[in-house]
Every structure is written in structure tokens, then in C-alpha cells.
PDB file of N, CA and C in Angstrom:
ATOM      1  N   UNK A   1     -34.280  52.549   8.292  1.00  0.00           N
ATOM      2  CA  UNK A   1     -35.449  52.308   7.389  1.00  0.00           C
ATOM      3  C   UNK A   1     -35.030  50.970   6.153  1.00  0.00           C
ATOM      4  N   UNK A   2     -33.509  50.961   6.256  1.00  0.00           N
ATOM      5  CA  UNK A   2     -33.452  50.233   5.389  1.00  0.00           C
ATOM      6  C   UNK A   2     -33.760  48.495   5.803  1.00  0.00           C
ATOM      7  N   UNK A   3     -33.908  48.202   7.813  1.00  0.00           N
ATOM      8  CA  UNK A   3     -34.186  47.315   7.776  1.00  0.00           C
ATOM      9  C   UNK A   3     -35.352  47.095   7.686  1.00  0.00           C
ATOM     10  N   UNK A   4     -36.313  48.322   7.946  1.00  0.00           N
ATOM     11  CA  UNK A   4     -37.682  47.945   8.000  1.00  0.00           C
ATOM     12  C   UNK A   4     -38.141  47.363   6.472  1.00  0.00           C
ATOM     13  N   UNK A   5     -37.459  47.798   5.692  1.00  0.00           N
ATOM     14  CA  UNK A   5     -37.997  47.460   4.012  1.00  0.00           C
ATOM     15  C   UNK A   5     -37.220  46.339   3.977  1.00  0.00           C
ATOM     16  N   UNK A   6     -35.981  45.750   4.138  1.00  0.00           N
ATOM     17  CA  UNK A   6     -36.105  44.217   3.646  1.00  0.00           C
ATOM     18  C   UNK A   6     -36.691  43.398   4.368  1.00  0.00           C
ATOM     19  N   UNK A   7     -37.122  43.922   5.881  1.00  0.00           N
ATOM     20  CA  UNK A   7     -38.482  42.612   6.758  1.00  0.00           C
ATOM     21  C   UNK A   7     -39.519  42.493   6.389  1.00  0.00           C
ATOM     22  N   UNK A   8     -40.261  43.890   5.284  1.00  0.00           N
ATOM     23  CA  UNK A   8     -41.530  43.955   5.054  1.00  0.00           C
ATOM     24  C   UNK A   8     -41.345  43.248   3.318  1.00  0.00           C
ATOM     25  N   UNK A   9     -40.301  43.183   2.963  1.00  0.00           N
ATOM     26  CA  UNK A   9     -39.922  42.919   1.162  1.00  0.00           C
ATOM     27  C   UNK A   9     -40.052  40.422   1.417  1.00  0.00           C
ATOM     28  N   UNK A  10     -39.532  40.535   2.599  1.00  0.00           N
ATOM     29  CA  UNK A  10     -39.457  38.943   2.955  1.00  0.00           C
ATOM     30  C   UNK A  10     -40.561  38.346   3.629  1.00  0.00           C
ATOM     31  N   UNK A  11     -41.520  39.581   3.278  1.00  0.00           N
ATOM     32  CA  UNK A  11     -42.757  38.373   4.115  1.00  0.00           C
ATOM     33  C   UNK A  11     -43.685  37.962   3.105  1.00  0.00           C
ATOM     34  N   UNK A  12     -44.211  36.938   3.233  1.00  0.00           N
ATOM     35  CA  UNK A  12     -44.905  36.547   2.267  1.00  0.00           C
ATOM     36  C   UNK A  12     -45.941  34.917   2.666  1.00  0.00           C
ATOM     37  N   UNK A  13     -46.958  35.412   2.039  1.00  0.00           N
ATOM     38  CA  UNK A  13     -47.701  34.739   2.684  1.00  0.00           C
ATOM     39  C   UNK A  13     -48.565  33.203   1.248  1.00  0.00           C
ATOM     40  N   UNK A  14     -48.499  32.437   2.152  1.00  0.00           N
ATOM     41  CA  UNK A  14     -49.264  30.937   1.481  1.00  0.00           C
ATOM     42  C   UNK A  14     -50.796  30.915   0.951  1.00  0.00           C
ATOM     43  N   UNK A  15     -51.088  31.232  -0.531  1.00  0.00           N
ATOM     44  CA  UNK A  15     -52.321  30.902  -0.891  1.00  0.00           C
ATOM     45  C   UNK A  15     -52.464  30.234  -1.720  1.00  0.00           C
ATOM     46  N   UNK A  16     -53.643  29.298  -1.605  1.00  0.00           N
ATOM     47  CA  UNK A  16     -54.766  29.031  -2.633  1.00  0.00           C
ATOM     48  C   UNK A  16     -55.000  30.567  -4.263  1.00  0.00           C
ATOM     49  N   UNK A  17     -54.689  28.693  -5.293  1.00  0.00           N
ATOM     50  CA  UNK A  17     -55.525  29.648  -6.326  1.00  0.00           C
ATOM     51  C   UNK A  17     -56.410  30.476  -6.838  1.00  0.00           C
ATOM     52  N   UNK A  18     -57.581  29.285  -5.599  1.00  0.00           N
ATOM     53  CA  UNK A  18     -58.377  30.384  -5.165  1.00  0.00           C
ATOM     54  C   UNK A  18     -58.736  31.586  -4.969  1.00  0.00           C
ATOM     55  N   UNK A  19     -57.559  31.647  -3.825  1.00  0.00           N
ATOM     56  CA  UNK A  19     -57.493  32.685  -3.151  1.00  0.00           C
ATOM     57  C   UNK A  19     -57.392  33.772  -4.133  1.00  0.00           C
ATOM     58  N   UNK A  20     -55.665  33.595  -4.690  1.00  0.00           N
ATOM     59  CA  UNK A  20     -55.512  34.538  -5.564  1.00  0.00           C
ATOM     60  C   UNK A  20     -56.535  35.280  -6.755  1.00  0.00           C
ATOM     61  N   UNK A  21     -57.427  34.148  -7.272  1.00  0.00           N
ATOM     62  CA  UNK A  21     -58.197  34.849  -7.935  1.00  0.00           C
ATOM     63  C   UNK A  21     -59.004  35.411  -7.581  1.00  0.00           C
ATOM     64  N   UNK A  22     -59.191  35.951  -6.198  1.00  0.00           N
ATOM     65  CA  UNK A  22     -60.480  36.475  -5.971  1.00  0.00           C
ATOM     66  C   UNK A  22     -59.849  37.992  -5.128  1.00  0.00           C
ATOM     67  N   UNK A  23     -58.624  38.003  -5.200  1.00  0.00           N
ATOM     68  CA  UNK A  23     -57.982  38.945  -4.985  1.00  0.00           C
ATOM     69  C   UNK A  23     -58.166  39.953  -6.264  1.00  0.00           C
ATOM     70  N   UNK A  24     -58.283  40.105  -7.331  1.00  0.00           N
ATOM     71  CA  UNK A  24     -58.455  40.940  -8.958  1.00  0.00           C
ATOM     72  C   UNK A  24     -57.314  42.086  -8.651  1.00  0.00           C
ATOM     73  N   UNK A  25     -56.508  42.405  -9.094  1.00  0.00           N
ATOM     74  CA  UNK A  25     -55.834  43.471  -8.650  1.00  0.00           C
ATOM     75  C   UNK A  25     -55.133  44.229  -7.687  1.00  0.00           C
ATOM     76  N   UNK A  26     -55.267  43.033  -6.619  1.00  0.00           N
ATOM     77  CA  UNK A  26     -54.487  43.767  -5.307  1.00  0.00           C
ATOM     78  C   UNK A  26     -52.915  42.733  -5.025  1.00  0.00           C
ATOM     79  N   UNK A  27     -52.750  42.580  -6.356  1.00  0.00           N
ATOM     80  CA  UNK A  27     -51.312  41.768  -6.217  1.00  0.00           C
ATOM     81  C   UNK A  27     -50.320  42.277  -7.196  1.00  0.00           C
ATOM     82  N   UNK A  28     -50.381  43.220  -7.941  1.00  0.00           N
ATOM     83  CA  UNK A  28     -49.101  43.894  -8.465  1.00  0.00           C
ATOM     84  C   UNK A  28     -48.212  44.820  -7.466  1.00  0.00           C
ATOM     85  N   UNK A  29     -47.278  43.889  -7.799  1.00  0.00           N
ATOM     86  CA  UNK A  29     -45.905  43.928  -7.233  1.00  0.00           C
ATOM     87  C   UNK A  29     -45.808  43.671  -6.125  1.00  0.00           C
ATOM     88  N   UNK A  30     -46.709  42.526  -5.480  1.00  0.00           N
ATOM     89  CA  UNK A  30     -47.090  41.629  -4.040  1.00  0.00           C
ATOM     90  C   UNK A  30     -46.167  40.780  -4.764  1.00  0.00           C
ATOM     91  N   UNK A  31     -45.260  40.346  -3.675  1.00  0.00           N
ATOM     92  CA  UNK A  31     -44.237  39.026  -4.029  1.00  0.00           C
ATOM     93  C   UNK A  31     -45.514  38.068  -2.714  1.00  0.00           C
ATOM     94  N   UNK A  32     -46.313  36.857  -3.470  1.00  0.00           N
ATOM     95  CA  UNK A  32     -46.742  35.825  -2.734  1.00  0.00           C
ATOM     96  C   UNK A  32     -46.145  34.619  -3.235  1.00  0.00           C
ATOM     97  N   UNK A  33     -46.853  33.764  -2.470  1.00  0.00           N
ATOM     98  CA  UNK A  33     -46.286  32.548  -2.503  1.00  0.00           C
ATOM     99  C   UNK A  33     -47.300  31.754  -2.738  1.00  0.00           C
ATOM    100  N   UNK A  34     -47.612  30.601  -3.929  1.00  0.00           N
ATOM    101  CA  UNK A  34     -49.308  29.720  -4.473  1.00  0.00           C
ATOM    102  C   UNK A  34     -48.658  28.304  -4.251  1.00  0.00           C
ATOM    103  N   UNK A  35     -49.409  27.580  -3.812  1.00  0.00           N
ATOM    104  CA  UNK A  35     -49.328  26.297  -3.135  1.00  0.00           C
ATOM    105  C   UNK A  35     -50.703  25.689  -4.134  1.00  0.00           C
ATOM    106  N   UNK A  36     -50.055  24.219  -5.233  1.00  0.00           N
ATOM    107  CA  UNK A  36     -50.980  23.531  -5.784  1.00  0.00           C
ATOM    108  C   UNK A  36     -50.328  22.443  -6.369  1.00  0.00           C
ATOM    109  N   UNK A  37     -50.725  21.579  -7.356  1.00  0.00           N
ATOM    110  CA  UNK A  37     -50.225  20.374  -7.458  1.00  0.00           C
ATOM    111  C   UNK A  37     -49.828  20.637  -8.706  1.00  0.00           C
ATOM    112  N   UNK A  38     -48.516  20.363  -9.710  1.00  0.00           N
ATOM    113  CA  UNK A  38     -47.599  20.578 -10.631  1.00  0.00           C
ATOM    114  C   UNK A  38     -48.432  19.302 -11.781  1.00  0.00           C
ATOM    115  N   UNK A  39     -49.661  19.867 -12.505  1.00  0.00           N
ATOM    116  CA  UNK A  39     -50.732  19.012 -13.895  1.00  0.00           C
ATOM    117  C   UNK A  39     -50.112  18.373 -14.250  1.00  0.00           C
ATOM    118  N   UNK A  40     -50.476  16.790 -14.405  1.00  0.00           N
ATOM    119  CA  UNK A  40     -49.905  16.209 -15.120  1.00  0.00           C
ATOM    120  C   UNK A  40     -49.517  16.292 -16.871  1.00  0.00           C
ATOM    121  N   UNK A  41     -48.013  16.580 -17.615  1.00  0.00           N
ATOM    122  CA  UNK A  41     -47.659  16.699 -18.836  1.00  0.00           C
ATOM    123  C   UNK A  41     -48.268  18.653 -18.815  1.00  0.00           C
ATOM    124  N   UNK A  42     -48.144  19.281 -17.708  1.00  0.00           N
ATOM    125  CA  UNK A  42     -47.538  20.942 -18.351  1.00  0.00           C
ATOM    126  C   UNK A  42     -45.982  21.291 -18.225  1.00  0.00           C
ATOM    127  N   UNK A  43     -45.199  20.357 -17.772  1.00  0.00           N
ATOM    128  CA  UNK A  43     -43.539  21.174 -17.522  1.00  0.00           C
ATOM    129  C   UNK A  43     -43.430  21.268 -18.657  1.00  0.00           C
ATOM    130  N   UNK A  44     -42.944  22.103 -19.530  1.00  0.00           N
ATOM    131  CA  UNK A  44     -42.044  22.527 -20.361  1.00  0.00           C
ATOM    132  C   UNK A  44     -40.812  23.444 -20.341  1.00  0.00           C
ATOM    133  N   UNK A  45     -39.618  22.835 -20.511  1.00  0.00           N
ATOM    134  CA  UNK A  45     -38.213  23.056 -20.480  1.00  0.00           C
ATOM    135  C   UNK A  45     -37.787  23.669 -21.695  1.00  0.00           C
ATOM    136  N   UNK A  46     -37.134  25.057 -21.928  1.00  0.00           N
ATOM    137  CA  UNK A  46     -36.311  25.848 -22.334  1.00  0.00           C
ATOM    138  C   UNK A  46     -34.898  26.019 -21.680  1.00  0.00           C
ATOM    139  N   UNK A  47     -34.184  27.213 -22.080  1.00  0.00           N
ATOM    140  CA  UNK A  47     -32.781  26.924 -21.580  1.00  0.00           C
ATOM    141  C   UNK A  47     -32.769  28.360 -20.671  1.00  0.00           C
ATOM    142  N   UNK A  48     -33.818  28.682 -20.706  1.00  0.00           N
ATOM    143  CA  UNK A  48     -33.801  30.221 -19.593  1.00  0.00           C
ATOM    144  C   UNK A  48     -34.834  29.753 -18.576  1.00  0.00           C
ATOM    145  N   UNK A  49     -36.394  29.213 -18.834  1.00  0.00           N
ATOM    146  CA  UNK A  49     -36.983  28.944 -18.150  1.00  0.00           C
ATOM    147  C   UNK A  49     -37.778  27.619 -18.354  1.00  0.00           C
ATOM    148  N   UNK A  50     -38.431  27.756 -17.440  1.00  0.00           N
ATOM    149  CA  UNK A  50     -39.782  26.342 -16.983  1.00  0.00           C
ATOM    150  C   UNK A  50     -40.896  26.678 -16.668  1.00  0.00           C
ATOM    151  N   UNK A  51     -42.124  25.838 -17.827  1.00  0.00           N
ATOM    152  CA  UNK A  51     -42.949  26.694 -17.400  1.00  0.00           C
ATOM    153  C   UNK A  51     -43.964  25.571 -17.235  1.00  0.00           C
ATOM    154  N   UNK A  52     -44.926  25.372 -17.056  1.00  0.00           N
ATOM    155  CA  UNK A  52     -46.016  24.248 -16.479  1.00  0.00           C
ATOM    156  C   UNK A  52     -47.196  25.241 -15.180  1.00  0.00           C
ATOM    157  N   UNK A  53     -47.571  24.218 -15.260  1.00  0.00           N
ATOM    158  CA  UNK A  53     -50.079  24.738 -14.050  1.00  0.00           C
ATOM    159  C   UNK A  53     -49.208  23.835 -13.037  1.00  0.00           C
ATOM    160  N   UNK A  54     -49.718  25.281 -12.142  1.00  0.00           N
ATOM    161  CA  UNK A  54     -50.446  24.155 -10.760  1.00  0.00           C
ATOM    162  C   UNK A  54     -51.482  24.202 -10.556  1.00  0.00           C
ATOM    163  N   UNK A  55     -52.503  23.023  -9.870  1.00  0.00           N
ATOM    164  CA  UNK A  55     -54.027  23.023  -9.858  1.00  0.00           C
ATOM    165  C   UNK A  55     -53.994  22.643  -8.877  1.00  0.00           C
ATOM    166  N   UNK A  56     -55.091  23.347  -7.972  1.00  0.00           N
ATOM    167  CA  UNK A  56     -56.282  23.054  -7.216  1.00  0.00           C
ATOM    168  C   UNK A  56     -57.280  22.192  -7.457  1.00  0.00           C
ATOM    169  N   UNK A  57     -57.742  21.460  -7.500  1.00  0.00           N
ATOM    170  CA  UNK A  57     -59.226  21.085  -7.398  1.00  0.00           C
ATOM    171  C   UNK A  57     -59.555  21.619  -8.810  1.00  0.00           C
ATOM    172  N   UNK A  58     -60.668  22.257  -9.385  1.00  0.00           N
ATOM    173  CA  UNK A  58     -60.977  22.502 -10.365  1.00  0.00           C
ATOM    174  C   UNK A  58     -60.069  23.821 -11.187  1.00  0.00           C
ATOM    175  N   UNK A  59     -58.636  24.409 -10.244  1.00  0.00           N
ATOM    176  CA  UNK A  59     -58.758  25.526 -10.605  1.00  0.00           C
ATOM    177  C   UNK A  59     -57.392  25.234 -10.855  1.00  0.00           C
ATOM    178  N   UNK A  60     -57.261  26.188 -12.174  1.00  0.00           N
ATOM    179  CA  UNK A  60     -54.818  26.352 -12.129  1.00  0.00           C
ATOM    180  C   UNK A  60     -54.500  27.684 -12.987  1.00  0.00           C
ATOM    181  N   UNK A  61     -54.024  26.932 -12.817  1.00  0.00           N
ATOM    182  CA  UNK A  61     -52.428  28.380 -12.370  1.00  0.00           C
ATOM    183  C   UNK A  61     -52.165  28.690 -13.502  1.00  0.00           C
ATOM    184  N   UNK A  62     -51.411  28.882 -15.087  1.00  0.00           N
ATOM    185  CA  UNK A  62     -50.129  28.830 -15.397  1.00  0.00           C
ATOM    186  C   UNK A  62     -49.394  29.380 -14.625  1.00  0.00           C
ATOM    187  N   UNK A  63     -47.952  29.256 -14.620  1.00  0.00           N
ATOM    188  CA  UNK A  63     -46.705  29.295 -14.019  1.00  0.00           C
ATOM    189  C   UNK A  63     -44.986  29.763 -14.945  1.00  0.00           C
ATOM    190  N   UNK A  64     -44.583  30.429 -14.947  1.00  0.00           N
ATOM    191  CA  UNK A  64     -42.853  30.449 -14.912  1.00  0.00           C
ATOM    192  C   UNK A  64     -42.254  31.029 -14.458  1.00  0.00           C
ATOM    193  N   UNK A  65     -41.348  30.107 -14.441  1.00  0.00           N
ATOM    194  CA  UNK A  65     -40.206  29.639 -13.216  1.00  0.00           C
ATOM    195  C   UNK A  65     -39.218  30.440 -14.296  1.00  0.00           C
ATOM    196  N   UNK A  66     -38.192  31.532 -14.183  1.00  0.00           N
ATOM    197  CA  UNK A  66     -36.700  32.266 -14.359  1.00  0.00           C
ATOM    198  C   UNK A  66     -35.694  32.067 -13.110  1.00  0.00           C
ATOM    199  N   UNK A  67     -35.660  31.406 -12.382  1.00  0.00           N
ATOM    200  CA  UNK A  67     -34.818  31.380 -11.455  1.00  0.00           C
ATOM    201  C   UNK A  67     -33.493  31.334 -11.217  1.00  0.00           C
ATOM    202  N   UNK A  68     -32.539  31.207 -10.793  1.00  0.00           N
ATOM    203  CA  UNK A  68     -31.315  30.969 -11.382  1.00  0.00           C
ATOM    204  C   UNK A  68     -31.261  29.246 -10.285  1.00  0.00           C
ATOM    205  N   UNK A  69     -31.999  29.003  -9.469  1.00  0.00           N
ATOM    206  CA  UNK A  69     -31.329  27.991  -8.854  1.00  0.00           C
ATOM    207  C   UNK A  69     -32.305  26.661  -9.667  1.00  0.00           C
ATOM    208  N   UNK A  70     -31.755  25.764  -9.270  1.00  0.00           N
ATOM    209  CA  UNK A  70     -31.856  24.557 -10.482  1.00  0.00           C
ATOM    210  C   UNK A  70     -33.269  23.792  -9.240  1.00  0.00           C
ATOM    211  N   UNK A  71     -34.965  23.281 -10.044  1.00  0.00           N
ATOM    212  CA  UNK A  71     -35.358  22.292  -9.777  1.00  0.00           C
ATOM    213  C   UNK A  71     -34.731  21.347  -8.734  1.00  0.00           C
ATOM    214  N   UNK A  72     -36.061  22.032  -7.525  1.00  0.00           N
ATOM    215  CA  UNK A  72     -35.977  20.766  -6.815  1.00  0.00           C
ATOM    216  C   UNK A  72     -36.068  19.049  -8.026  1.00  0.00           C
ATOM    217  N   UNK A  73     -35.172  18.710  -7.442  1.00  0.00           N
ATOM    218  CA  UNK A  73     -35.762  16.623  -7.419  1.00  0.00           C
ATOM    219  C   UNK A  73     -36.980  16.246  -7.477  1.00  0.00           C
ATOM    220  N   UNK A  74     -37.718  17.217  -6.965  1.00  0.00           N
ATOM    221  CA  UNK A  74     -39.058  16.303  -6.574  1.00  0.00           C
ATOM    222  C   UNK A  74     -39.643  17.012  -7.381  1.00  0.00           C
ATOM    223  N   UNK A  75     -39.398  17.816  -7.846  1.00  0.00           N
ATOM    224  CA  UNK A  75     -40.074  18.698  -9.235  1.00  0.00           C
ATOM    225  C   UNK A  75     -40.574  17.907 -10.239  1.00  0.00           C
ATOM    226  N   UNK A  76     -41.987  17.455  -9.956  1.00  0.00           N
ATOM    227  CA  UNK A  76     -42.241  16.574 -11.017  1.00  0.00           C
ATOM    228  C   UNK A  76     -43.856  16.440 -11.676  1.00  0.00           C
ATOM    229  N   UNK A  77     -44.565  15.666 -12.297  1.00  0.00           N
ATOM    230  CA  UNK A  77     -46.005  15.573 -13.096  1.00  0.00           C
ATOM    231  C   UNK A  77     -46.161  15.348 -11.165  1.00  0.00           C
ATOM    232  N   UNK A  78     -47.638  15.691 -10.212  1.00  0.00           N
ATOM    233  CA  UNK A  78     -48.036  15.542  -9.552  1.00  0.00           C
ATOM    234  C   UNK A  78     -47.737  16.079  -8.184  1.00  0.00           C
ATOM    235  N   UNK A  79     -46.181  16.504  -8.404  1.00  0.00           N
ATOM    236  CA  UNK A  79     -45.594  16.928  -7.346  1.00  0.00           C
ATOM    237  C   UNK A  79     -46.464  18.461  -6.297  1.00  0.00           C
ATOM    238  N   UNK A  80     -46.330  18.110  -5.120  1.00  0.00           N
ATOM    239  CA  UNK A  80     -46.477  19.515  -4.709  1.00  0.00           C
ATOM    240  C   UNK A  80     -45.523  20.446  -4.206  1.00  0.00           C
ATOM    241  N   UNK A  81     -46.090  21.580  -5.231  1.00  0.00           N
ATOM    242  CA  UNK A  81     -44.991  22.152  -5.284  1.00  0.00           C
ATOM    243  C   UNK A  81     -45.658  23.792  -4.886  1.00  0.00           C
ATOM    244  N   UNK A  82     -44.897  24.620  -4.316  1.00  0.00           N
ATOM    245  CA  UNK A  82     -44.893  26.200  -3.495  1.00  0.00           C
ATOM    246  C   UNK A  82     -44.441  27.070  -4.973  1.00  0.00           C
ATOM    247  N   UNK A  83     -44.265  28.353  -5.554  1.00  0.00           N
ATOM    248  CA  UNK A  83     -44.207  29.334  -6.855  1.00  0.00           C
ATOM    249  C   UNK A  83     -44.160  30.102  -5.966  1.00  0.00           C
ATOM    250  N   UNK A  84     -43.096  30.734  -5.688  1.00  0.00           N
ATOM    251  CA  UNK A  84     -42.969  31.961  -4.910  1.00  0.00           C
ATOM    252  C   UNK A  84     -42.419  33.161  -6.081  1.00  0.00           C
ATOM    253  N   UNK A  85     -42.832  34.351  -6.023  1.00  0.00           N
ATOM    254  CA  UNK A  85     -43.281  35.362  -6.756  1.00  0.00           C
ATOM    255  C   UNK A  85     -44.363  36.416  -6.811  1.00  0.00           C
ATOM    256  N   UNK A  86     -44.775  36.637  -8.162  1.00  0.00           N
ATOM    257  CA  UNK A  86     -45.910  37.857  -7.578  1.00  0.00           C
ATOM    258  C   UNK A  86     -46.104  37.301  -9.719  1.00  0.00           C
ATOM    259  N   UNK A  87     -47.700  37.850  -9.351  1.00  0.00           N
ATOM    260  CA  UNK A  87     -48.278  37.810 -10.184  1.00  0.00           C
ATOM    261  C   UNK A  87     -48.240  38.811 -11.946  1.00  0.00           C
ATOM    262  N   UNK A  88     -48.015  37.624 -12.697  1.00  0.00           N
ATOM    263  CA  UNK A  88     -47.905  39.401 -14.274  1.00  0.00           C
ATOM    264  C   UNK A  88     -49.115  39.524 -14.916  1.00  0.00           C
ATOM    265  N   UNK A  89     -49.362  41.135 -15.241  1.00  0.00           N
ATOM    266  CA  UNK A  89     -50.394  41.841 -16.000  1.00  0.00           C
ATOM    267  C   UNK A  89     -50.967  40.666 -16.884  1.00  0.00           C
ATOM    268  N   UNK A  90     -50.676  39.908 -17.208  1.00  0.00           N
ATOM    269  CA  UNK A  90     -51.526  38.888 -18.786  1.00  0.00           C
ATOM    270  C   UNK A  90     -51.681  37.483 -17.330  1.00  0.00           C
ATOM    271  N   UNK A  91     -51.835  37.449 -16.134  1.00  0.00           N
ATOM    272  CA  UNK A  91     -51.998  36.415 -15.301  1.00  0.00           C
ATOM    273  C   UNK A  91     -51.527  34.928 -15.529  1.00  0.00           C
ATOM    274  N   UNK A  92     -49.834  35.485 -15.457  1.00  0.00           N
ATOM    275  CA  UNK A  92     -49.551  34.270 -15.420  1.00  0.00           C
ATOM    276  C   UNK A  92     -48.196  34.579 -14.235  1.00  0.00           C
ATOM    277  N   UNK A  93     -48.324  33.227 -13.290  1.00  0.00           N
ATOM    278  CA  UNK A  93     -47.304  34.053 -12.031  1.00  0.00           C
ATOM    279  C   UNK A  93     -45.950  33.256 -12.426  1.00  0.00           C
ATOM    280  N   UNK A  94     -45.031  34.569 -12.606  1.00  0.00           N
ATOM    281  CA  UNK A  94     -43.409  34.956 -12.560  1.00  0.00           C
ATOM    282  C   UNK A  94     -43.166  34.270 -11.214  1.00  0.00           C
ATOM    283  N   UNK A  95     -42.839  32.915 -11.363  1.00  0.00           N
ATOM    284  CA  UNK A  95     -41.926  32.243 -10.346  1.00  0.00           C
ATOM    285  C   UNK A  95     -39.971  32.848 -10.362  1.00  0.00           C
ATOM    286  N   UNK A  96     -39.440  32.864  -9.296  1.00  0.00           N
ATOM    287  CA  UNK A  96     -38.090  33.003  -9.114  1.00  0.00           C
ATOM    288  C   UNK A  96     -37.680  31.881  -8.181  1.00  0.00           C
ATOM    289  N   UNK A  97     -38.853  31.201  -7.060  1.00  0.00           N
ATOM    290  CA  UNK A  97     -38.152  30.371  -6.374  1.00  0.00           C
ATOM    291  C   UNK A  97     -39.257  29.746  -6.424  1.00  0.00           C
ATOM    292  N   UNK A  98     -38.815  27.916  -6.373  1.00  0.00           N
ATOM    293  CA  UNK A  98     -40.339  26.549  -6.719  1.00  0.00           C
ATOM    294  C   UNK A  98     -39.457  25.641  -5.382  1.00  0.00           C
ATOM    295  N   UNK A  99     -39.736  25.364  -4.185  1.00  0.00           N
ATOM    296  CA  UNK A  99     -40.507  24.302  -3.777  1.00  0.00           C
ATOM    297  C   UNK A  99     -40.754  23.026  -3.974  1.00  0.00           C
ATOM    298  N   UNK A 100     -40.748  21.582  -4.357  1.00  0.00           N
ATOM    299  CA  UNK A 100     -41.658  20.849  -4.172  1.00  0.00           C
ATOM    300  C   UNK A 100     -41.373  19.453  -3.227  1.00  0.00           C
ATOM    301  N   UNK A 101     -43.064  18.597  -3.049  1.00  0.00           N
ATOM    302  CA  UNK A 101     -42.148  17.294  -2.714  1.00  0.00           C
ATOM    303  C   UNK A 101     -42.902  16.256  -3.223  1.00  0.00           C
ATOM    304  N   UNK A 102     -42.415  15.055  -4.005  1.00  0.00           N
ATOM    305  CA  UNK A 102     -43.295  13.871  -4.043  1.00  0.00           C
ATOM    306  C   UNK A 102     -44.477  14.050  -3.309  1.00  0.00           C
ATOM    307  N   UNK A 103     -45.833  13.991  -3.525  1.00  0.00           N
ATOM    308  CA  UNK A 103     -46.078  12.957  -2.705  1.00  0.00           C
ATOM    309  C   UNK A 103     -46.423  11.839  -2.375  1.00  0.00           C
ATOM    310  N   UNK A 104     -45.982  11.165  -3.546  1.00  0.00           N
ATOM    311  CA  UNK A 104     -46.382   9.940  -3.464  1.00  0.00           C
ATOM    312  C   UNK A 104     -45.278   8.966  -2.392  1.00  0.00           C
ATOM    313  N   UNK A 105     -44.374  10.001  -2.159  1.00  0.00           N
ATOM    314  CA  UNK A 105     -43.284   9.614  -1.103  1.00  0.00           C
ATOM    315  C   UNK A 105     -43.550   8.947   0.086  1.00  0.00           C
ATOM    316  N   UNK A 106     -45.091   9.636   0.633  1.00  0.00           N
ATOM    317  CA  UNK A 106     -44.689  10.068   2.200  1.00  0.00           C
ATOM    318  C   UNK A 106     -46.547   9.572   2.246  1.00  0.00           C
ATOM    319  N   UNK A 107     -47.057   9.205   0.572  1.00  0.00           N
ATOM    320  CA  UNK A 107     -48.830   8.624   1.554  1.00  0.00           C
ATOM    321  C   UNK A 107     -48.484   6.965   1.068  1.00  0.00           C
ATOM    322  N   UNK A 108     -49.278   5.842   2.030  1.00  0.00           N
ATOM    323  CA  UNK A 108     -49.406   4.956   2.047  1.00  0.00           C
ATOM    324  C   UNK A 108     -49.947   4.609   0.516  1.00  0.00           C
ATOM    325  N   UNK A 109     -49.450   3.773  -0.208  1.00  0.00           N
ATOM    326  CA  UNK A 109     -50.533   3.148  -1.242  1.00  0.00           C
ATOM    327  C   UNK A 109     -51.506   2.894  -1.250  1.00  0.00           C
ATOM    328  N   UNK A 110     -53.151   2.932  -2.300  1.00  0.00           N
ATOM    329  CA  UNK A 110     -54.225   2.817  -2.006  1.00  0.00           C
ATOM    330  C   UNK A 110     -54.574   1.149  -1.497  1.00  0.00           C
ATOM    331  N   UNK A 111     -54.990   0.925  -0.635  1.00  0.00           N
ATOM    332  CA  UNK A 111     -55.232  -0.749   0.142  1.00  0.00           C
ATOM    333  C   UNK A 111     -54.375  -1.081   0.813  1.00  0.00           C
ATOM    334  N   UNK A 112     -52.838  -0.597   1.182  1.00  0.00           N
ATOM    335  CA  UNK A 112     -51.988  -0.875   2.396  1.00  0.00           C
ATOM    336  C   UNK A 112     -52.478  -0.491   3.630  1.00  0.00           C
ATOM    337  N   UNK A 113     -51.934  -1.775   4.414  1.00  0.00           N
ATOM    338  CA  UNK A 113     -52.221  -1.417   5.305  1.00  0.00           C
ATOM    339  C   UNK A 113     -51.295  -0.473   6.588  1.00  0.00           C
ATOM    340  N   UNK A 114     -52.289   0.781   6.944  1.00  0.00           N
ATOM    341  CA  UNK A 114     -51.768   1.907   7.136  1.00  0.00           C
ATOM    342  C   UNK A 114     -51.520   1.105   8.663  1.00  0.00           C
ATOM    343  N   UNK A 115     -49.696   2.363   8.853  1.00  0.00           N
ATOM    344  CA  UNK A 115     -49.261   2.050  10.194  1.00  0.00           C
ATOM    345  C   UNK A 115     -50.254   2.006  11.772  1.00  0.00           C
ATOM    346  N   UNK A 116     -49.209   1.076  12.449  1.00  0.00           N
ATOM    347  CA  UNK A 116     -50.138   1.809  13.730  1.00  0.00           C
ATOM    348  C   UNK A 116     -49.036   2.041  14.778  1.00  0.00           C
ATOM    349  N   UNK A 117     -49.203   2.326  15.711  1.00  0.00           N
ATOM    350  CA  UNK A 117     -48.804   1.860  16.566  1.00  0.00           C
ATOM    351  C   UNK A 117     -49.146   1.532  18.083  1.00  0.00           C
ATOM    352  N   UNK A 118     -47.834   1.069  18.827  1.00  0.00           N
ATOM    353  CA  UNK A 118     -47.692   0.272  19.629  1.00  0.00           C
ATOM    354  C   UNK A 118     -47.249   1.002  21.404  1.00  0.00           C
ATOM    355  N   UNK A 119     -47.772   0.919  22.647  1.00  0.00           N
ATOM    356  CA  UNK A 119     -47.086   0.841  23.579  1.00  0.00           C
ATOM    357  C   UNK A 119     -46.517  -0.150  24.124  1.00  0.00           C
ATOM    358  N   UNK A 120     -44.794  -0.153  24.602  1.00  0.00           N
ATOM    359  CA  UNK A 120     -43.559  -1.233  24.444  1.00  0.00           C
ATOM    360  C   UNK A 120     -43.630  -0.352  25.991  1.00  0.00           C
TER     361      UNK A 120
END
């Protein structure tokens, strides 16, 4: 039974902010992963938490991170982030883990020539 409980707890789903909004009350005590971009200017750091806003298209989600691990170096404004945790009763996502990558490192600058592949 303990093995099954552990497997069940480790299952998570990547959802969008729109999907989270559409779940209306079905998220209580459910571990979720929500993806989005860190809204510029929204990161507020304090001694025991980091608050920020994830955005996707015209939707936003307030997030508070209280995990023990330090945030990744790539966590900054406009970074693509994945928050792992639960939605609180107040509508704020309570994250215990954060993953982030800086999209600008992996995308070509506007107007830059795109790499091409050639047969050798």
C-alpha cells in the first residue's frame, strides 16, 4: 500500500494557467505543475519566500515559493518557469519547487539569420 501511495503522490501534470482556472475547486490538496513566463517586475524576495507572477497570454497566476532549494540561476523576469505545488484556497499557487530556463539564451535574436543544416 505504501508503494502505491508513493506512486500516486509523485504523479503530476503540466497544466496551463487557463486549465487551472477551468478546474474550479477540483484542485484542493492536489499536487500540480503550472507553466508560464515570469512577469517582468513581479519578483519579490523576502527571508522565507519568493513571490512572483506567472503569465500566459492574457492570464496571470500569483505564486509564492517557500521551498528549501535555492531558485535556479535562470529564474528571472521573462524566464519560462514551472511551479510545482498546490493551489491555495485564496487562489495563490503555493510552490515547493521551481524550474526555470531563460528563453533568450536558446532563441535567435529578431532579425538574426537562422542556422541552416548542410549535408557533408
